[in-house]
N, C-alpha and C. Protein backbone atom coordinates (compact mmCIF):
# COMPACT_ATOMS: atom_id res chain seq x y z
N UNK A 1 47.75 -53.96 -98.37
CA UNK A 1 48.35 -52.28 -99.76
C UNK A 1 47.86 -53.37 -100.58
N UNK A 2 47.33 -51.52 -101.28
CA UNK A 2 47.02 -52.59 -103.11
C UNK A 2 48.33 -51.01 -103.49
N UNK A 3 48.95 -50.26 -102.62
CA UNK A 3 49.95 -49.42 -103.43
C UNK A 3 51.34 -50.29 -103.97
N UNK A 4 51.71 -50.10 -104.92
CA UNK A 4 52.77 -50.74 -106.21
C UNK A 4 54.39 -50.65 -105.48
N UNK A 5 54.59 -50.64 -104.01
CA UNK A 5 55.72 -50.45 -103.08
C UNK A 5 56.86 -51.16 -103.09
N UNK A 6 57.95 -51.09 -103.69
CA UNK A 6 58.82 -51.74 -103.77
C UNK A 6 60.28 -51.09 -103.47
N UNK A 7 60.53 -50.94 -102.20
CA UNK A 7 62.01 -50.18 -102.01
C UNK A 7 63.01 -51.15 -100.79
N UNK A 8 62.74 -52.37 -101.57
CA UNK A 8 64.00 -53.13 -101.15
C UNK A 8 63.52 -53.67 -99.64
N UNK A 9 62.26 -53.32 -98.96
CA UNK A 9 62.20 -53.91 -97.83
C UNK A 9 61.02 -54.80 -98.03
N UNK A 10 60.76 -55.99 -97.74
CA UNK A 10 59.67 -56.55 -97.74
C UNK A 10 58.21 -56.27 -96.71
N UNK A 11 56.94 -56.64 -97.24
CA UNK A 11 56.20 -56.06 -96.25
C UNK A 11 55.95 -56.15 -95.07
N UNK A 12 56.05 -57.11 -95.29
CA UNK A 12 55.91 -57.73 -93.52
C UNK A 12 57.38 -57.19 -92.13
N UNK A 13 58.29 -56.60 -93.09
CA UNK A 13 59.28 -56.13 -91.98
C UNK A 13 58.96 -54.62 -92.37
N UNK A 14 58.26 -54.25 -93.18
CA UNK A 14 57.79 -52.70 -92.94
C UNK A 14 56.25 -52.44 -92.46
N UNK A 15 56.08 -53.43 -92.63
CA UNK A 15 54.56 -53.64 -91.18
C UNK A 15 54.89 -53.66 -89.96
N UNK A 16 56.12 -53.88 -89.03
CA UNK A 16 56.71 -54.61 -88.21
C UNK A 16 57.13 -52.97 -87.74
N UNK A 17 57.93 -52.30 -88.88
CA UNK A 17 58.58 -51.46 -88.19
C UNK A 17 57.60 -50.20 -87.96
N UNK A 18 56.40 -50.15 -89.17
CA UNK A 18 55.33 -49.44 -88.86
C UNK A 18 54.79 -48.73 -87.58
N UNK A 19 54.68 -50.68 -86.97
CA UNK A 19 53.24 -50.46 -86.17
C UNK A 19 54.11 -50.04 -84.73
N UNK A 20 55.42 -50.07 -84.59
CA UNK A 20 56.48 -49.52 -83.61
C UNK A 20 56.39 -48.19 -83.73
N UNK A 21 56.65 -47.16 -85.27
CA UNK A 21 56.86 -46.27 -85.45
C UNK A 21 55.41 -45.74 -85.25
N UNK A 22 53.96 -46.48 -85.18
CA UNK A 22 53.30 -45.49 -84.39
C UNK A 22 52.69 -45.56 -83.46
N UNK A 23 52.93 -46.70 -82.66
CA UNK A 23 53.43 -46.72 -81.37
C UNK A 23 53.99 -45.13 -80.41
N UNK A 24 54.93 -44.93 -81.42
CA UNK A 24 56.16 -44.34 -80.66
C UNK A 24 54.85 -42.78 -80.83
N UNK A 25 54.64 -42.63 -82.67
CA UNK A 25 53.84 -41.52 -82.93
C UNK A 25 53.03 -40.97 -81.38
N UNK A 26 51.93 -42.19 -80.93
CA UNK A 26 51.28 -42.21 -80.37
C UNK A 26 51.50 -41.51 -78.92
N UNK A 27 52.57 -42.41 -78.60
CA UNK A 27 53.11 -41.40 -77.05
C UNK A 27 53.69 -39.73 -77.79
N UNK A 28 54.43 -39.72 -78.62
CA UNK A 28 54.81 -38.67 -78.92
C UNK A 28 53.36 -37.70 -78.86
N UNK A 29 52.37 -37.67 -79.49
CA UNK A 29 51.40 -36.93 -79.14
C UNK A 29 50.91 -36.93 -78.30
N UNK A 30 51.19 -37.97 -77.38
CA UNK A 30 50.58 -37.65 -76.27
C UNK A 30 51.26 -36.65 -75.30
N UNK A 31 52.58 -36.88 -75.57
CA UNK A 31 53.45 -36.08 -74.68
C UNK A 31 53.55 -34.55 -75.32
N UNK A 32 52.61 -34.32 -76.33
CA UNK A 32 53.24 -33.39 -76.77
C UNK A 32 51.91 -31.61 -76.27
N UNK A 33 51.01 -32.66 -76.33
CA UNK A 33 49.44 -32.01 -75.61
C UNK A 33 50.01 -31.95 -74.06
N UNK A 34 50.45 -33.01 -73.37
CA UNK A 34 51.41 -32.73 -72.17
C UNK A 34 51.90 -31.40 -71.98
N UNK A 35 53.13 -31.39 -72.32
CA UNK A 35 54.29 -30.50 -72.54
C UNK A 35 53.56 -28.75 -73.23
N UNK A 36 52.85 -28.95 -73.76
CA UNK A 36 51.84 -27.69 -74.50
C UNK A 36 50.47 -27.38 -73.27
N UNK A 37 49.84 -28.23 -72.68
CA UNK A 37 49.42 -28.20 -71.52
C UNK A 37 50.38 -27.29 -70.37
N UNK A 38 50.89 -28.24 -70.29
CA UNK A 38 52.22 -27.59 -68.86
C UNK A 38 52.92 -26.39 -68.72
N UNK A 39 53.02 -25.89 -70.43
CA UNK A 39 53.90 -24.58 -71.22
C UNK A 39 52.46 -23.54 -70.63
N UNK A 40 51.26 -23.93 -70.62
CA UNK A 40 50.54 -22.95 -70.41
C UNK A 40 49.94 -22.60 -69.28
N UNK A 41 49.89 -23.45 -68.05
CA UNK A 41 49.82 -23.44 -67.49
C UNK A 41 50.76 -23.47 -65.63
N UNK A 42 52.08 -23.38 -66.27
CA UNK A 42 53.14 -23.77 -65.39
C UNK A 42 53.09 -21.87 -64.07
N UNK A 43 53.12 -22.15 -63.36
CA UNK A 43 53.11 -20.86 -62.18
C UNK A 43 54.32 -20.79 -61.77
N UNK A 44 54.37 -19.96 -61.00
CA UNK A 44 55.53 -20.08 -59.70
C UNK A 44 57.23 -19.40 -60.02
N UNK A 45 57.99 -19.41 -59.61
CA UNK A 45 58.85 -18.76 -59.64
C UNK A 45 59.22 -19.02 -61.08
N UNK A 46 59.74 -20.60 -60.74
CA UNK A 46 60.35 -20.77 -62.14
C UNK A 46 59.82 -20.83 -63.46
N UNK A 47 58.58 -19.59 -63.38
CA UNK A 47 57.90 -19.61 -64.77
C UNK A 47 58.42 -19.41 -66.16
N UNK A 48 59.27 -18.17 -66.10
CA UNK A 48 59.90 -17.88 -67.10
C UNK A 48 60.91 -18.95 -67.90
N UNK A 49 61.66 -19.73 -67.05
CA UNK A 49 62.07 -20.33 -67.93
C UNK A 49 61.68 -22.00 -68.17
N UNK A 50 60.60 -22.38 -67.71
CA UNK A 50 59.51 -23.50 -68.09
C UNK A 50 59.22 -23.53 -68.90
N UNK A 51 58.41 -22.03 -68.46
CA UNK A 51 57.40 -21.68 -69.76
C UNK A 51 57.85 -21.60 -71.26
N UNK A 52 59.82 -21.26 -71.43
CA UNK A 52 60.53 -21.29 -72.48
C UNK A 52 60.75 -22.39 -73.02
N UNK A 53 61.21 -23.23 -71.62
CA UNK A 53 61.38 -25.03 -71.87
C UNK A 53 60.23 -25.52 -72.94
N UNK A 54 59.35 -25.52 -71.73
CA UNK A 54 58.15 -26.41 -72.69
C UNK A 54 57.76 -26.05 -73.81
N UNK A 55 58.02 -25.00 -74.10
CA UNK A 55 57.19 -24.59 -75.96
C UNK A 55 58.82 -24.63 -76.35
N UNK A 56 59.94 -25.03 -75.96
CA UNK A 56 60.80 -25.61 -77.31
C UNK A 56 60.66 -26.72 -77.68
N UNK A 57 60.36 -27.54 -76.17
CA UNK A 57 59.70 -29.64 -76.64
C UNK A 57 58.97 -29.34 -76.88
N UNK A 58 57.75 -28.52 -76.75
CA UNK A 58 56.49 -29.00 -78.04
C UNK A 58 56.62 -28.43 -79.04
N UNK A 59 57.23 -27.71 -79.52
CA UNK A 59 57.93 -27.32 -80.98
C UNK A 59 58.45 -28.40 -81.25
N UNK A 60 59.47 -28.99 -80.67
CA UNK A 60 60.23 -29.91 -81.58
C UNK A 60 59.21 -31.33 -81.05
N UNK A 61 58.31 -31.10 -80.43
CA UNK A 61 57.07 -32.69 -80.86
C UNK A 61 56.23 -32.53 -81.65
N UNK A 62 55.77 -31.58 -81.57
CA UNK A 62 54.93 -31.38 -82.67
C UNK A 62 55.09 -31.61 -84.67
N UNK A 63 56.63 -30.91 -84.11
CA UNK A 63 57.67 -31.21 -86.09
C UNK A 63 58.03 -32.79 -86.39
N UNK A 64 58.72 -33.49 -84.54
CA UNK A 64 58.51 -35.25 -84.96
C UNK A 64 57.20 -35.74 -85.46
N UNK A 65 56.41 -35.60 -84.60
CA UNK A 65 55.08 -36.00 -85.07
C UNK A 65 54.91 -36.23 -86.36
N UNK A 66 54.88 -34.96 -87.54
CA UNK A 66 54.60 -34.95 -88.34
C UNK A 66 55.94 -35.85 -89.03
N UNK A 67 57.59 -35.90 -89.07
CA UNK A 67 58.39 -36.71 -89.05
C UNK A 67 58.13 -38.05 -89.22
N UNK A 68 57.54 -38.75 -87.99
CA UNK A 68 57.16 -40.14 -87.38
C UNK A 68 56.09 -40.59 -88.11
N UNK A 69 55.14 -39.98 -88.37
CA UNK A 69 54.22 -40.38 -88.98
C UNK A 69 53.85 -40.13 -91.22
N UNK A 70 55.10 -39.20 -91.66
CA UNK A 70 55.62 -39.42 -92.92
C UNK A 70 56.16 -40.60 -93.28
N UNK A 71 56.95 -40.90 -91.96
CA UNK A 71 57.85 -42.53 -92.01
C UNK A 71 57.10 -43.43 -92.26
N UNK A 72 55.77 -43.61 -91.64
CA UNK A 72 54.93 -44.29 -91.48
C UNK A 72 54.16 -45.12 -92.95
N UNK A 73 53.88 -43.50 -93.71
CA UNK A 73 53.29 -43.47 -94.86
C UNK A 73 54.29 -43.78 -96.05
N UNK A 74 55.66 -43.24 -96.06
CA UNK A 74 56.65 -43.60 -96.62
C UNK A 74 56.47 -45.16 -96.96
N UNK A 75 56.77 -45.81 -95.59
CA UNK A 75 56.45 -47.29 -95.24
C UNK A 75 55.57 -48.17 -96.22
N UNK A 76 54.02 -47.17 -96.08
CA UNK A 76 53.35 -47.85 -97.25
C UNK A 76 51.83 -48.25 -96.71
N UNK A 77 51.76 -47.45 -94.94
CA UNK A 77 50.29 -47.57 -94.12
C UNK A 77 49.88 -46.47 -93.81
N UNK A 78 48.94 -46.45 -93.32
CA UNK A 78 47.97 -45.30 -92.50
C UNK A 78 48.50 -45.07 -91.26
N UNK A 79 48.41 -44.01 -90.63
CA UNK A 79 48.66 -43.34 -89.57
C UNK A 79 46.68 -43.00 -88.85
N UNK A 80 47.07 -43.82 -87.96
CA UNK A 80 45.97 -43.60 -86.90
C UNK A 80 45.95 -41.84 -86.34
N UNK A 81 45.11 -41.45 -86.76
CA UNK A 81 45.58 -39.66 -86.21
C UNK A 81 44.13 -39.43 -85.28
N UNK A 82 43.72 -40.00 -83.86
CA UNK A 82 42.90 -38.94 -83.38
C UNK A 82 43.57 -39.52 -81.75
N UNK A 83 43.07 -38.21 -81.13
CA UNK A 83 43.68 -38.53 -79.65
C UNK A 83 43.24 -39.97 -78.96
N UNK A 84 42.04 -40.29 -79.31
CA UNK A 84 41.60 -41.79 -79.19
C UNK A 84 42.73 -42.97 -79.28
N UNK A 85 42.61 -43.18 -80.70
CA UNK A 85 43.60 -43.71 -81.23
C UNK A 85 44.93 -43.69 -80.38
N UNK A 86 45.31 -42.90 -80.28
CA UNK A 86 46.29 -42.34 -79.13
C UNK A 86 46.54 -42.59 -78.53
N UNK A 87 45.93 -42.18 -77.17
CA UNK A 87 45.38 -42.46 -75.85
C UNK A 87 45.68 -44.37 -75.65
N UNK A 88 44.58 -44.91 -76.50
CA UNK A 88 45.01 -46.34 -76.56
C UNK A 88 46.27 -47.11 -77.22
N UNK A 89 46.99 -46.32 -77.58
CA UNK A 89 48.58 -47.02 -77.88
C UNK A 89 49.46 -46.41 -77.00
N UNK A 90 49.48 -45.37 -76.37
CA UNK A 90 50.32 -44.75 -75.43
C UNK A 90 50.60 -44.68 -74.06
N UNK A 91 51.56 -45.36 -73.29
CA UNK A 91 52.10 -45.63 -71.99
C UNK A 91 51.96 -44.28 -71.56
N UNK A 92 52.81 -42.97 -71.98
CA UNK A 92 52.40 -41.99 -71.25
C UNK A 92 50.73 -41.24 -71.25
N UNK A 93 50.60 -41.17 -69.99
CA UNK A 93 49.00 -40.32 -70.14
C UNK A 93 49.33 -39.15 -69.60
N UNK A 94 48.02 -38.58 -70.45
CA UNK A 94 47.39 -36.98 -70.26
C UNK A 94 47.27 -36.39 -68.97
N UNK A 95 48.09 -35.52 -68.61
CA UNK A 95 47.74 -34.86 -67.32
C UNK A 95 46.37 -33.89 -67.36
N UNK A 96 45.97 -34.16 -65.87
CA UNK A 96 44.62 -33.68 -65.78
C UNK A 96 45.06 -32.58 -64.70
N UNK A 97 43.33 -32.17 -64.18
CA UNK A 97 43.76 -31.05 -63.03
C UNK A 97 45.28 -30.08 -63.15
N UNK A 98 44.95 -29.66 -64.21
CA UNK A 98 46.88 -29.14 -64.63
C UNK A 98 46.97 -28.12 -63.58
N UNK A 99 45.55 -27.29 -63.19
CA UNK A 99 46.05 -25.88 -62.49
C UNK A 99 45.96 -26.40 -60.61
N UNK A 100 46.24 -27.63 -61.16
CA UNK A 100 46.50 -27.68 -59.78
C UNK A 100 48.13 -28.80 -59.42
N UNK A 101 48.68 -28.65 -60.43
CA UNK A 101 50.02 -29.36 -60.90
C UNK A 101 50.99 -28.40 -60.19
N UNK A 102 51.78 -28.89 -59.43
CA UNK A 102 53.23 -27.74 -59.09
C UNK A 102 54.04 -28.14 -59.99
N UNK A 103 54.73 -26.85 -60.38
CA UNK A 103 56.08 -26.78 -61.79
C UNK A 103 56.73 -28.16 -61.56
N UNK A 104 57.81 -28.58 -60.14
CA UNK A 104 58.23 -29.90 -59.93
C UNK A 104 57.21 -31.04 -60.41
N UNK A 105 56.29 -30.89 -59.88
CA UNK A 105 55.80 -32.00 -60.59
C UNK A 105 55.39 -32.23 -62.36
N UNK A 106 55.33 -31.26 -63.04
CA UNK A 106 55.23 -30.92 -64.00
C UNK A 106 56.79 -31.62 -64.56
N UNK A 107 57.62 -31.09 -64.02
CA UNK A 107 59.10 -31.15 -64.37
C UNK A 107 59.82 -32.96 -64.15
N UNK A 108 58.92 -33.34 -62.87
CA UNK A 108 59.19 -34.72 -63.02
C UNK A 108 58.56 -35.89 -63.91
N UNK A 109 56.96 -35.59 -64.04
CA UNK A 109 56.64 -36.11 -65.25
C UNK A 109 56.70 -36.32 -66.61
N UNK A 110 57.63 -34.82 -67.18
CA UNK A 110 57.75 -34.67 -68.32
C UNK A 110 59.46 -35.62 -68.47
N UNK A 111 59.94 -35.28 -67.46
CA UNK A 111 61.36 -36.48 -67.08
C UNK A 111 61.14 -37.50 -67.37
N UNK A 112 60.15 -38.47 -67.13
CA UNK A 112 59.85 -39.46 -66.62
C UNK A 112 59.34 -40.06 -68.27
N UNK A 113 58.45 -39.19 -68.71
CA UNK A 113 57.84 -38.77 -70.15
C UNK A 113 59.33 -38.98 -71.21
N UNK A 114 59.59 -38.28 -71.33
CA UNK A 114 61.28 -38.38 -72.17
C UNK A 114 61.50 -39.42 -72.08
N UNK A 115 62.12 -40.13 -70.54
CA UNK A 115 62.63 -41.22 -70.49
C UNK A 115 61.81 -42.83 -71.17
N UNK A 116 61.09 -42.45 -71.31
CA UNK A 116 59.70 -43.69 -71.84
C UNK A 116 59.71 -43.04 -73.53
N UNK A 117 59.49 -42.62 -73.98
CA UNK A 117 60.20 -41.93 -75.15
C UNK A 117 61.58 -42.42 -75.69
N UNK A 118 62.75 -42.31 -75.35
CA UNK A 118 63.83 -43.33 -74.87
C UNK A 118 63.67 -44.72 -75.27
N UNK A 119 62.96 -45.28 -74.07
CA UNK A 119 63.02 -46.72 -74.02
C UNK A 119 61.80 -47.21 -75.28
N UNK A 120 61.14 -46.62 -75.45
CA UNK A 120 60.32 -46.93 -77.01
C UNK A 120 61.45 -47.22 -77.91
N UNK A 121 61.80 -46.06 -78.44
CA UNK A 121 62.68 -46.29 -79.39
C UNK A 121 63.72 -46.72 -79.45
N UNK A 122 64.43 -47.19 -78.07
CA UNK A 122 65.58 -48.15 -78.29
C UNK A 122 64.93 -49.62 -78.67
N UNK A 123 63.61 -49.97 -77.18
CA UNK A 123 62.78 -51.61 -78.27
C UNK A 123 63.10 -51.53 -79.71
N UNK A 124 62.22 -50.37 -79.87
CA UNK A 124 62.00 -50.55 -81.60
C UNK A 124 63.04 -50.80 -82.74
N UNK A 125 64.77 -50.17 -81.77
CA UNK A 125 65.69 -49.93 -82.97
C UNK A 125 66.40 -51.69 -83.15
N UNK A 126 66.60 -52.43 -82.48
CA UNK A 126 66.59 -54.15 -83.05
C UNK A 126 65.80 -54.66 -84.01
N UNK A 127 64.45 -54.48 -84.06
CA UNK A 127 63.63 -55.02 -85.36
C UNK A 127 64.03 -53.79 -86.64
N UNK A 128 64.42 -52.96 -86.51
CA UNK A 128 64.33 -51.58 -87.29
C UNK A 128 65.65 -52.40 -88.07
N UNK A 129 66.49 -52.73 -87.39
CA UNK A 129 67.65 -52.82 -87.65
C UNK A 129 67.53 -54.33 -88.45
N UNK A 130 67.46 -54.84 -87.96
CA UNK A 130 67.13 -56.49 -88.61
C UNK A 130 66.06 -56.12 -89.99
N UNK A 131 65.32 -55.36 -89.95
CA UNK A 131 64.57 -55.42 -91.03
C UNK A 131 65.44 -54.27 -92.46
N UNK A 132 66.68 -53.92 -91.52
CA UNK A 132 67.53 -52.89 -92.51
C UNK A 132 66.90 -51.44 -93.37
N UNK A 133 66.16 -51.10 -92.20
CA UNK A 133 65.41 -49.97 -92.48
C UNK A 133 66.04 -48.56 -91.85
N UNK A 134 67.58 -48.47 -92.82
CA UNK A 134 68.15 -47.46 -92.11
C UNK A 134 67.65 -46.39 -91.88
N UNK A 135 66.90 -45.86 -92.67
CA UNK A 135 66.09 -44.55 -92.14
C UNK A 135 65.41 -44.23 -91.46
N UNK A 136 64.82 -45.46 -90.93
CA UNK A 136 63.68 -45.63 -89.44
C UNK A 136 65.29 -45.96 -88.11
N UNK A 137 66.25 -46.58 -88.62
CA UNK A 137 66.91 -46.39 -87.62
C UNK A 137 67.78 -45.02 -87.25
N UNK A 138 67.91 -44.08 -88.58
CA UNK A 138 68.16 -43.21 -88.33
C UNK A 138 67.31 -41.95 -87.71
N UNK A 139 66.16 -42.12 -88.04
CA UNK A 139 65.03 -41.57 -86.96
C UNK A 139 64.78 -41.32 -86.06
N UNK A 140 64.93 -43.68 -85.44
CA UNK A 140 65.12 -43.48 -84.22
C UNK A 140 66.01 -42.98 -82.78
N UNK A 141 67.05 -43.03 -83.50
CA UNK A 141 68.19 -42.87 -83.01
C UNK A 141 68.34 -40.96 -83.09
N UNK A 142 67.86 -40.11 -83.52
CA UNK A 142 67.90 -38.95 -83.67
C UNK A 142 66.72 -38.54 -82.50
N UNK A 143 65.67 -39.48 -82.48
CA UNK A 143 64.66 -39.33 -81.44
C UNK A 143 65.34 -39.59 -79.70
N UNK A 144 65.56 -40.81 -79.69
CA UNK A 144 66.62 -41.06 -78.61
C UNK A 144 67.53 -39.74 -78.22
N UNK A 145 68.43 -39.06 -78.81
CA UNK A 145 68.89 -38.37 -78.78
C UNK A 145 68.81 -37.05 -78.21
N UNK A 146 67.51 -36.56 -78.84
CA UNK A 146 66.53 -35.01 -78.45
C UNK A 146 65.82 -35.50 -76.87
N UNK A 147 64.94 -36.76 -77.14
CA UNK A 147 64.24 -37.09 -75.76
C UNK A 147 65.51 -37.24 -74.25
N UNK A 148 66.61 -38.00 -74.33
CA UNK A 148 67.53 -38.35 -73.24
C UNK A 148 67.92 -36.68 -73.11
N UNK A 149 68.16 -35.62 -74.15
CA UNK A 149 68.60 -34.63 -73.72
C UNK A 149 67.87 -33.37 -73.08
N UNK A 150 66.14 -33.72 -73.07
CA UNK A 150 64.95 -33.52 -73.23
C UNK A 150 65.22 -33.44 -71.55
N UNK A 151 65.14 -34.76 -71.12
CA UNK A 151 65.21 -35.29 -69.56
C UNK A 151 66.36 -34.70 -68.97
N UNK A 152 67.74 -34.97 -69.88
CA UNK A 152 68.67 -34.20 -68.11
C UNK A 152 68.29 -32.56 -68.48
N UNK A 153 68.40 -31.74 -69.46
CA UNK A 153 67.52 -30.56 -69.07
C UNK A 153 66.34 -30.20 -68.12
N UNK A 154 65.25 -31.30 -67.93
CA UNK A 154 64.48 -30.65 -67.12
C UNK A 154 64.74 -31.27 -65.49
N UNK A 155 65.54 -32.53 -66.06
CA UNK A 155 66.14 -32.76 -63.99
C UNK A 155 67.21 -31.86 -63.65
N UNK A 156 67.67 -30.59 -64.61
CA UNK A 156 68.64 -29.86 -64.01
C UNK A 156 67.82 -29.04 -62.98
N UNK A 157 66.46 -28.94 -63.40
CA UNK A 157 65.46 -27.79 -62.93
C UNK A 157 65.19 -28.75 -61.60
N UNK A 158 65.39 -29.72 -61.06
CA UNK A 158 65.16 -30.61 -59.88
C UNK A 158 66.47 -30.62 -58.82
N UNK A 159 67.72 -30.27 -59.35
CA UNK A 159 68.62 -30.53 -58.28
C UNK A 159 68.68 -28.73 -57.35
């Protein structure tokens, strides 16, 4: 980095945290697209409540993407910003053939994907704490809370 960045965190630690946040961002971006896709294409007797839940969740994911990316920039690193880059870095997979996916399958996939997001954030937490990067720790804690709640709410549709 050519920037003169001195926020009390060594570059190596900032880089480690930024790399983890970029992976979180990639997964967030794929989950955003998938959730928006399901919002557009859900059908059946649960249409109205799922359409609304999916919208609430994709709006949150869109905003979270900006927050995560801006944190990477604040740490002094650039952010990959193409779906091709995100697809390479993401554990979450896009949905294809959406018109053929049943609502309960959509819900099950999103439950799984929100739990992936929780695990990714939880895995990044120890190195972020070790880097003494409280801002990123707070970001990760907040995202874990959101994804745990989203998974719980979606699971309730399956009972």
